[in-house]
């Protein structure tokens, strides 16, 4: 199923790792203090080239993370509809 998706949006789960390993575009929402494998101070992953990381700016701020993902989704959808990046 993952191979048929345009984008996977997930939290730090097996689905995120599988999508990344399959080189499917994946956006991962991370807590302020993430697991070691997500490193710090970056929005990409050295292990998964198609992955973008969205991090909490402060502990417990999921609203900010979800708002940023929604903003990026809106921008990406608008760009796709207008043929930008094609």
PDB file of N, CA and C in Angstrom:
ATOM      1  N   UNK A   1       0.824  -1.192   0.000  1.00  0.00           N
ATOM      2  CA  UNK A   1       0.000   0.000   0.000  1.00  0.00           C
ATOM      3  C   UNK A   1       0.872   1.261   0.000  1.00  0.00           C
ATOM      4  N   UNK A   2       1.959   1.239   0.748  1.00  0.00           N
ATOM      5  CA  UNK A   2       2.825   2.421   0.824  1.00  0.00           C
ATOM      6  C   UNK A   2       3.352   2.806  -0.556  1.00  0.00           C
ATOM      7  N   UNK A   3       3.706   1.844  -1.363  1.00  0.00           N
ATOM      8  CA  UNK A   3       4.259   2.121  -2.693  1.00  0.00           C
ATOM      9  C   UNK A   3       3.274   2.867  -3.589  1.00  0.00           C
ATOM     10  N   UNK A   4       1.990   2.794  -3.281  1.00  0.00           N
ATOM     11  CA  UNK A   4       0.976   3.456  -4.089  1.00  0.00           C
ATOM     12  C   UNK A   4       0.602   4.846  -3.588  1.00  0.00           C
ATOM     13  N   UNK A   5       1.233   5.300  -2.528  1.00  0.00           N
ATOM     14  CA  UNK A   5       0.924   6.614  -1.963  1.00  0.00           C
ATOM     15  C   UNK A   5       1.844   7.683  -2.539  1.00  0.00           C
ATOM     16  N   UNK A   6       1.312   8.901  -2.653  1.00  0.00           N
ATOM     17  CA  UNK A   6       2.131  10.041  -3.065  1.00  0.00           C
ATOM     18  C   UNK A   6       2.983  10.546  -1.909  1.00  0.00           C
ATOM     19  N   UNK A   7       2.457  10.409  -0.688  1.00  0.00           N
ATOM     20  CA  UNK A   7       3.127  10.922   0.500  1.00  0.00           C
ATOM     21  C   UNK A   7       2.616  10.175   1.719  1.00  0.00           C
ATOM     22  N   UNK A   8       3.526   9.836   2.619  1.00  0.00           N
ATOM     23  CA  UNK A   8       3.170   9.268   3.920  1.00  0.00           C
ATOM     24  C   UNK A   8       3.455  10.341   4.965  1.00  0.00           C
ATOM     25  N   UNK A   9       2.484  10.625   5.824  1.00  0.00           N
ATOM     26  CA  UNK A   9       2.674  11.529   6.954  1.00  0.00           C
ATOM     27  C   UNK A   9       2.498  10.675   8.202  1.00  0.00           C
ATOM     28  N   UNK A  10       3.515  10.661   9.057  1.00  0.00           N
ATOM     29  CA  UNK A  10       3.493   9.743  10.189  1.00  0.00           C
ATOM     30  C   UNK A  10       4.246  10.324  11.383  1.00  0.00           C
ATOM     31  N   UNK A  11       4.100   9.649  12.500  1.00  0.00           N
ATOM     32  CA  UNK A  11       4.957   9.896  13.655  1.00  0.00           C
ATOM     33  C   UNK A  11       6.043   8.829  13.613  1.00  0.00           C
ATOM     34  N   UNK A  12       6.964   8.867  14.528  1.00  0.00           N
ATOM     35  CA  UNK A  12       8.088   7.925  14.556  1.00  0.00           C
ATOM     36  C   UNK A  12       7.568   6.504  14.754  1.00  0.00           C
ATOM     37  N   UNK A  13       7.303   5.813  13.649  1.00  0.00           N
ATOM     38  CA  UNK A  13       6.781   4.453  13.697  1.00  0.00           C
ATOM     39  C   UNK A  13       7.445   3.605  12.629  1.00  0.00           C
ATOM     40  N   UNK A  14       7.107   2.333  12.631  1.00  0.00           N
ATOM     41  CA  UNK A  14       7.615   1.430  11.604  1.00  0.00           C
ATOM     42  C   UNK A  14       7.177   1.875  10.212  1.00  0.00           C
ATOM     43  N   UNK A  15       6.002   2.470  10.109  1.00  0.00           N
ATOM     44  CA  UNK A  15       5.509   2.929   8.803  1.00  0.00           C
ATOM     45  C   UNK A  15       6.449   3.995   8.235  1.00  0.00           C
ATOM     46  N   UNK A  16       6.891   4.920   9.067  1.00  0.00           N
ATOM     47  CA  UNK A  16       7.814   5.964   8.608  1.00  0.00           C
ATOM     48  C   UNK A  16       9.124   5.356   8.129  1.00  0.00           C
ATOM     49  N   UNK A  17       9.647   4.400   8.869  1.00  0.00           N
ATOM     50  CA  UNK A  17      10.910   3.753   8.479  1.00  0.00           C
ATOM     51  C   UNK A  17      10.745   2.949   7.198  1.00  0.00           C
ATOM     52  N   UNK A  18       9.646   2.248   7.067  1.00  0.00           N
ATOM     53  CA  UNK A  18       9.405   1.458   5.860  1.00  0.00           C
ATOM     54  C   UNK A  18       9.264   2.362   4.640  1.00  0.00           C
ATOM     55  N   UNK A  19       8.482   3.431   4.764  1.00  0.00           N
ATOM     56  CA  UNK A  19       8.320   4.367   3.644  1.00  0.00           C
ATOM     57  C   UNK A  19       9.668   4.976   3.266  1.00  0.00           C
ATOM     58  N   UNK A  20      10.454   5.355   4.256  1.00  0.00           N
ATOM     59  CA  UNK A  20      11.773   5.913   3.978  1.00  0.00           C
ATOM     60  C   UNK A  20      12.675   4.915   3.270  1.00  0.00           C
ATOM     61  N   UNK A  21      12.661   3.673   3.713  1.00  0.00           N
ATOM     62  CA  UNK A  21      13.483   2.632   3.087  1.00  0.00           C
ATOM     63  C   UNK A  21      13.036   2.345   1.660  1.00  0.00           C
ATOM     64  N   UNK A  22      11.743   2.533   1.398  1.00  0.00           N
ATOM     65  CA  UNK A  22      11.204   2.317   0.048  1.00  0.00           C
ATOM     66  C   UNK A  22      11.376   3.548  -0.838  1.00  0.00           C
ATOM     67  N   UNK A  23      11.924   4.621  -0.280  1.00  0.00           N
ATOM     68  CA  UNK A  23      12.108   5.896  -0.969  1.00  0.00           C
ATOM     69  C   UNK A  23      10.794   6.517  -1.415  1.00  0.00           C
ATOM     70  N   UNK A  24       9.745   6.270  -0.649  1.00  0.00           N
ATOM     71  CA  UNK A  24       8.468   6.957  -0.828  1.00  0.00           C
ATOM     72  C   UNK A  24       8.566   8.261  -0.041  1.00  0.00           C
ATOM     73  N   UNK A  25       8.097   9.383  -0.568  1.00  0.00           N
ATOM     74  CA  UNK A  25       8.128  10.619   0.213  1.00  0.00           C
ATOM     75  C   UNK A  25       7.405  10.420   1.552  1.00  0.00           C
ATOM     76  N   UNK A  26       8.078  10.826   2.629  1.00  0.00           N
ATOM     77  CA  UNK A  26       7.508  10.654   3.970  1.00  0.00           C
ATOM     78  C   UNK A  26       7.860  11.857   4.837  1.00  0.00           C
ATOM     79  N   UNK A  27       6.850  12.373   5.505  1.00  0.00           N
ATOM     80  CA  UNK A  27       7.021  13.459   6.454  1.00  0.00           C
ATOM     81  C   UNK A  27       6.793  12.878   7.838  1.00  0.00           C
ATOM     82  N   UNK A  28       7.743  13.099   8.733  1.00  0.00           N
ATOM     83  CA  UNK A  28       7.665  12.531  10.071  1.00  0.00           C
ATOM     84  C   UNK A  28       7.549  13.661  11.092  1.00  0.00           C
ATOM     85  N   UNK A  29       6.549  13.547  11.948  1.00  0.00           N
ATOM     86  CA  UNK A  29       6.337  14.506  13.024  1.00  0.00           C
ATOM     87  C   UNK A  29       7.045  13.985  14.272  1.00  0.00           C
ATOM     88  N   UNK A  30       7.965  14.793  14.800  1.00  0.00           N
ATOM     89  CA  UNK A  30       8.803  14.354  15.916  1.00  0.00           C
ATOM     90  C   UNK A  30       8.583  15.201  17.167  1.00  0.00           C
ATOM     91  N   UNK A  31       8.736  14.578  18.338  1.00  0.00           N
ATOM     92  CA  UNK A  31       8.660  15.336  19.577  1.00  0.00           C
ATOM     93  C   UNK A  31       9.888  16.231  19.750  1.00  0.00           C
ATOM     94  N   UNK A  32       9.834  17.112  20.721  1.00  0.00           N
ATOM     95  CA  UNK A  32      10.930  18.044  20.996  1.00  0.00           C
ATOM     96  C   UNK A  32      12.230  17.290  21.280  1.00  0.00           C
ATOM     97  N   UNK A  33      12.150  16.222  22.022  1.00  0.00           N
ATOM     98  CA  UNK A  33      13.315  15.410  22.353  1.00  0.00           C
ATOM     99  C   UNK A  33      13.131  14.030  21.701  1.00  0.00           C
ATOM    100  N   UNK A  34      13.553  13.888  20.448  1.00  0.00           N
ATOM    101  CA  UNK A  34      13.271  12.660  19.704  1.00  0.00           C
ATOM    102  C   UNK A  34      14.236  11.524  20.035  1.00  0.00           C
ATOM    103  N   UNK A  35      13.918  10.363  19.523  1.00  0.00           N
ATOM    104  CA  UNK A  35      14.801   9.207  19.587  1.00  0.00           C
ATOM    105  C   UNK A  35      16.130   9.570  18.927  1.00  0.00           C
ATOM    106  N   UNK A  36      17.208   8.954  19.346  1.00  0.00           N
ATOM    107  CA  UNK A  36      18.557   9.287  18.874  1.00  0.00           C
ATOM    108  C   UNK A  36      18.706   9.248  17.366  1.00  0.00           C
ATOM    109  N   UNK A  37      17.982   8.352  16.705  1.00  0.00           N
ATOM    110  CA  UNK A  37      18.202   8.173  15.264  1.00  0.00           C
ATOM    111  C   UNK A  37      17.781   9.378  14.426  1.00  0.00           C
ATOM    112  N   UNK A  38      16.983  10.268  15.002  1.00  0.00           N
ATOM    113  CA  UNK A  38      16.536  11.441  14.247  1.00  0.00           C
ATOM    114  C   UNK A  38      17.508  12.603  14.380  1.00  0.00           C
ATOM    115  N   UNK A  39      18.574  12.401  15.153  1.00  0.00           N
ATOM    116  CA  UNK A  39      19.590  13.429  15.358  1.00  0.00           C
ATOM    117  C   UNK A  39      18.931  14.708  15.864  1.00  0.00           C
ATOM    118  N   UNK A  40      19.633  15.827  15.778  1.00  0.00           N
ATOM    119  CA  UNK A  40      19.085  17.096  16.245  1.00  0.00           C
ATOM    120  C   UNK A  40      19.373  18.180  15.207  1.00  0.00           C
ATOM    121  N   UNK A  41      18.580  19.226  15.250  1.00  0.00           N
ATOM    122  CA  UNK A  41      18.831  20.430  14.442  1.00  0.00           C
ATOM    123  C   UNK A  41      18.917  20.184  12.940  1.00  0.00           C
ATOM    124  N   UNK A  42      18.055  19.314  12.428  1.00  0.00           N
ATOM    125  CA  UNK A  42      17.990  19.125  10.986  1.00  0.00           C
ATOM    126  C   UNK A  42      16.583  18.695  10.611  1.00  0.00           C
ATOM    127  N   UNK A  43      16.229  18.932   9.358  1.00  0.00           N
ATOM    128  CA  UNK A  43      14.881  18.568   8.897  1.00  0.00           C
ATOM    129  C   UNK A  43      14.922  17.453   7.850  1.00  0.00           C
ATOM    130  N   UNK A  44      16.075  16.787   7.765  1.00  0.00           N
ATOM    131  CA  UNK A  44      16.195  15.653   6.850  1.00  0.00           C
ATOM    132  C   UNK A  44      16.808  14.482   7.604  1.00  0.00           C
ATOM    133  N   UNK A  45      16.913  13.369   6.923  1.00  0.00           N
ATOM    134  CA  UNK A  45      17.495  12.165   7.521  1.00  0.00           C
ATOM    135  C   UNK A  45      18.632  11.666   6.631  1.00  0.00           C
ATOM    136  N   UNK A  46      19.798  11.400   7.215  1.00  0.00           N
ATOM    137  CA  UNK A  46      20.890  10.880   6.385  1.00  0.00           C
ATOM    138  C   UNK A  46      20.614   9.459   5.874  1.00  0.00           C
ATOM    139  N   UNK A  47      19.653   8.769   6.473  1.00  0.00           N
ATOM    140  CA  UNK A  47      19.357   7.390   6.077  1.00  0.00           C
ATOM    141  C   UNK A  47      18.241   7.293   5.048  1.00  0.00           C
ATOM    142  N   UNK A  48      17.368   8.290   5.017  1.00  0.00           N
ATOM    143  CA  UNK A  48      16.196   8.246   4.136  1.00  0.00           C
ATOM    144  C   UNK A  48      16.125   9.537   3.308  1.00  0.00           C
ATOM    145  N   UNK A  49      16.564   9.524   2.062  1.00  0.00           N
ATOM    146  CA  UNK A  49      16.636  10.755   1.274  1.00  0.00           C
ATOM    147  C   UNK A  49      15.278  11.378   0.947  1.00  0.00           C
ATOM    148  N   UNK A  50      14.197  10.638   1.028  1.00  0.00           N
ATOM    149  CA  UNK A  50      12.880  11.193   0.694  1.00  0.00           C
ATOM    150  C   UNK A  50      12.110  11.638   1.930  1.00  0.00           C
ATOM    151  N   UNK A  51      12.776  11.719   3.069  1.00  0.00           N
ATOM    152  CA  UNK A  51      12.114  12.035   4.332  1.00  0.00           C
ATOM    153  C   UNK A  51      12.337  13.483   4.735  1.00  0.00           C
ATOM    154  N   UNK A  52      11.278  14.117   5.228  1.00  0.00           N
ATOM    155  CA  UNK A  52      11.350  15.445   5.825  1.00  0.00           C
ATOM    156  C   UNK A  52      10.874  15.317   7.260  1.00  0.00           C
ATOM    157  N   UNK A  53      11.618  15.927   8.179  1.00  0.00           N
ATOM    158  CA  UNK A  53      11.296  15.863   9.599  1.00  0.00           C
ATOM    159  C   UNK A  53      10.663  17.173  10.060  1.00  0.00           C
ATOM    160  N   UNK A  54       9.578  17.056  10.780  1.00  0.00           N
ATOM    161  CA  UNK A  54       8.890  18.193  11.378  1.00  0.00           C
ATOM    162  C   UNK A  54       8.997  18.046  12.890  1.00  0.00           C
ATOM    163  N   UNK A  55       9.664  18.989  13.528  1.00  0.00           N
ATOM    164  CA  UNK A  55       9.972  18.871  14.954  1.00  0.00           C
ATOM    165  C   UNK A  55       9.164  19.860  15.797  1.00  0.00           C
ATOM    166  N   UNK A  56       8.844  19.434  17.009  1.00  0.00           N
ATOM    167  CA  UNK A  56       8.226  20.345  17.960  1.00  0.00           C
ATOM    168  C   UNK A  56       9.224  21.446  18.297  1.00  0.00           C
ATOM    169  N   UNK A  57       8.741  22.678  18.370  1.00  0.00           N
ATOM    170  CA  UNK A  57       9.597  23.786  18.786  1.00  0.00           C
ATOM    171  C   UNK A  57       9.812  23.804  20.288  1.00  0.00           C
ATOM    172  N   UNK A  58       8.858  23.243  21.009  1.00  0.00           N
ATOM    173  CA  UNK A  58       8.968  23.100  22.464  1.00  0.00           C
ATOM    174  C   UNK A  58       8.204  21.837  22.860  1.00  0.00           C
ATOM    175  N   UNK A  59       8.557  21.287  23.985  1.00  0.00           N
ATOM    176  CA  UNK A  59       7.950  20.030  24.441  1.00  0.00           C
ATOM    177  C   UNK A  59       6.428  20.146  24.500  1.00  0.00           C
ATOM    178  N   UNK A  60       5.755  19.173  23.917  1.00  0.00           N
ATOM    179  CA  UNK A  60       4.297  19.106  23.963  1.00  0.00           C
ATOM    180  C   UNK A  60       3.574  19.916  22.906  1.00  0.00           C
ATOM    181  N   UNK A  61       4.293  20.627  22.049  1.00  0.00           N
ATOM    182  CA  UNK A  61       3.651  21.500  21.058  1.00  0.00           C
ATOM    183  C   UNK A  61       3.323  20.759  19.765  1.00  0.00           C
ATOM    184  N   UNK A  62       2.364  19.847  19.841  1.00  0.00           N
ATOM    185  CA  UNK A  62       1.933  19.138  18.632  1.00  0.00           C
ATOM    186  C   UNK A  62       1.125  20.040  17.730  1.00  0.00           C
ATOM    187  N   UNK A  63       0.420  21.030  18.303  1.00  0.00           N
ATOM    188  CA  UNK A  63      -0.360  21.950  17.466  1.00  0.00           C
ATOM    189  C   UNK A  63       0.531  22.651  16.452  1.00  0.00           C
ATOM    190  N   UNK A  64       1.709  23.075  16.877  1.00  0.00           N
ATOM    191  CA  UNK A  64       2.637  23.741  15.971  1.00  0.00           C
ATOM    192  C   UNK A  64       3.138  22.819  14.867  1.00  0.00           C
ATOM    193  N   UNK A  65       3.419  21.580  15.215  1.00  0.00           N
ATOM    194  CA  UNK A  65       3.891  20.603  14.229  1.00  0.00           C
ATOM    195  C   UNK A  65       2.798  20.322  13.198  1.00  0.00           C
ATOM    196  N   UNK A  66       1.587  20.076  13.685  1.00  0.00           N
ATOM    197  CA  UNK A  66       0.471  19.779  12.773  1.00  0.00           C
ATOM    198  C   UNK A  66       0.169  20.989  11.890  1.00  0.00           C
ATOM    199  N   UNK A  67       0.248  22.197  12.448  1.00  0.00           N
ATOM    200  CA  UNK A  67       0.009  23.410  11.655  1.00  0.00           C
ATOM    201  C   UNK A  67       1.050  23.552  10.546  1.00  0.00           C
ATOM    202  N   UNK A  68       2.303  23.252  10.841  1.00  0.00           N
ATOM    203  CA  UNK A  68       3.358  23.339   9.819  1.00  0.00           C
ATOM    204  C   UNK A  68       3.155  22.286   8.729  1.00  0.00           C
ATOM    205  N   UNK A  69       2.798  21.075   9.116  1.00  0.00           N
ATOM    206  CA  UNK A  69       2.514  20.035   8.123  1.00  0.00           C
ATOM    207  C   UNK A  69       1.340  20.461   7.246  1.00  0.00           C
ATOM    208  N   UNK A  70       0.279  20.982   7.856  1.00  0.00           N
ATOM    209  CA  UNK A  70      -0.899  21.433   7.096  1.00  0.00           C
ATOM    210  C   UNK A  70      -0.527  22.570   6.142  1.00  0.00           C
ATOM    211  N   UNK A  71       0.302  23.500   6.616  1.00  0.00           N
ATOM    212  CA  UNK A  71       0.740  24.613   5.763  1.00  0.00           C
ATOM    213  C   UNK A  71       1.517  24.085   4.558  1.00  0.00           C
ATOM    214  N   UNK A  72       2.433  23.157   4.793  1.00  0.00           N
ATOM    215  CA  UNK A  72       3.221  22.589   3.696  1.00  0.00           C
ATOM    216  C   UNK A  72       2.355  21.780   2.741  1.00  0.00           C
ATOM    217  N   UNK A  73       1.397  21.034   3.290  1.00  0.00           N
ATOM    218  CA  UNK A  73       0.489  20.279   2.425  1.00  0.00           C
ATOM    219  C   UNK A  73      -0.318  21.212   1.539  1.00  0.00           C
ATOM    220  N   UNK A  74      -0.810  22.304   2.099  1.00  0.00           N
ATOM    221  CA  UNK A  74      -1.577  23.277   1.313  1.00  0.00           C
ATOM    222  C   UNK A  74      -0.725  23.869   0.207  1.00  0.00           C
ATOM    223  N   UNK A  75       0.504  24.213   0.524  1.00  0.00           N
ATOM    224  CA  UNK A  75       1.405  24.766  -0.476  1.00  0.00           C
ATOM    225  C   UNK A  75       1.756  23.760  -1.551  1.00  0.00           C
ATOM    226  N   UNK A  76       2.035  22.543  -1.161  1.00  0.00           N
ATOM    227  CA  UNK A  76       2.364  21.501  -2.132  1.00  0.00           C
ATOM    228  C   UNK A  76       1.179  21.188  -3.035  1.00  0.00           C
ATOM    229  N   UNK A  77      -0.027  21.140  -2.467  1.00  0.00           N
ATOM    230  CA  UNK A  77      -1.229  20.860  -3.266  1.00  0.00           C
ATOM    231  C   UNK A  77      -1.482  22.001  -4.250  1.00  0.00           C
ATOM    232  N   UNK A  78      -1.304  23.238  -3.794  1.00  0.00           N
ATOM    233  CA  UNK A  78      -1.499  24.389  -4.681  1.00  0.00           C
ATOM    234  C   UNK A  78      -0.468  24.371  -5.800  1.00  0.00           C
ATOM    235  N   UNK A  79       0.791  24.069  -5.478  1.00  0.00           N
ATOM    236  CA  UNK A  79       1.844  23.999  -6.497  1.00  0.00           C
ATOM    237  C   UNK A  79       1.527  22.911  -7.524  1.00  0.00           C
ATOM    238  N   UNK A  80       1.083  21.757  -7.057  1.00  0.00           N
ATOM    239  CA  UNK A  80       0.749  20.650  -7.964  1.00  0.00           C
ATOM    240  C   UNK A  80      -0.401  21.018  -8.881  1.00  0.00           C
ATOM    241  N   UNK A  81      -1.401  21.699  -8.354  1.00  0.00           N
ATOM    242  CA  UNK A  81      -2.561  22.085  -9.153  1.00  0.00           C
ATOM    243  C   UNK A  81      -2.171  23.083 -10.233  1.00  0.00           C
ATOM    244  N   UNK A  82      -1.154  23.904  -9.951  1.00  0.00           N
ATOM    245  CA  UNK A  82      -0.713  24.914 -10.913  1.00  0.00           C
ATOM    246  C   UNK A  82       0.437  24.393 -11.784  1.00  0.00           C
ATOM    247  N   UNK A  83       0.856  23.151 -11.575  1.00  0.00           N
ATOM    248  CA  UNK A  83       1.929  22.582 -12.387  1.00  0.00           C
ATOM    249  C   UNK A  83       3.312  23.028 -11.991  1.00  0.00           C
ATOM    250  N   UNK A  84       3.470  23.639 -10.803  1.00  0.00           N
ATOM    251  CA  UNK A  84       4.777  24.084 -10.336  1.00  0.00           C
ATOM    252  C   UNK A  84       5.584  22.873  -9.930  1.00  0.00           C
ATOM    253  N   UNK A  85       6.818  22.821 -10.298  1.00  0.00           N
ATOM    254  CA  UNK A  85       7.688  21.717  -9.928  1.00  0.00           C
ATOM    255  C   UNK A  85       7.539  20.493 -10.815  1.00  0.00           C
ATOM    256  N   UNK A  86       6.728  20.579 -11.840  1.00  0.00           N
ATOM    257  CA  UNK A  86       6.526  19.413 -12.716  1.00  0.00           C
ATOM    258  C   UNK A  86       7.575  19.365 -13.800  1.00  0.00           C
TER     259      UNK A  86
END
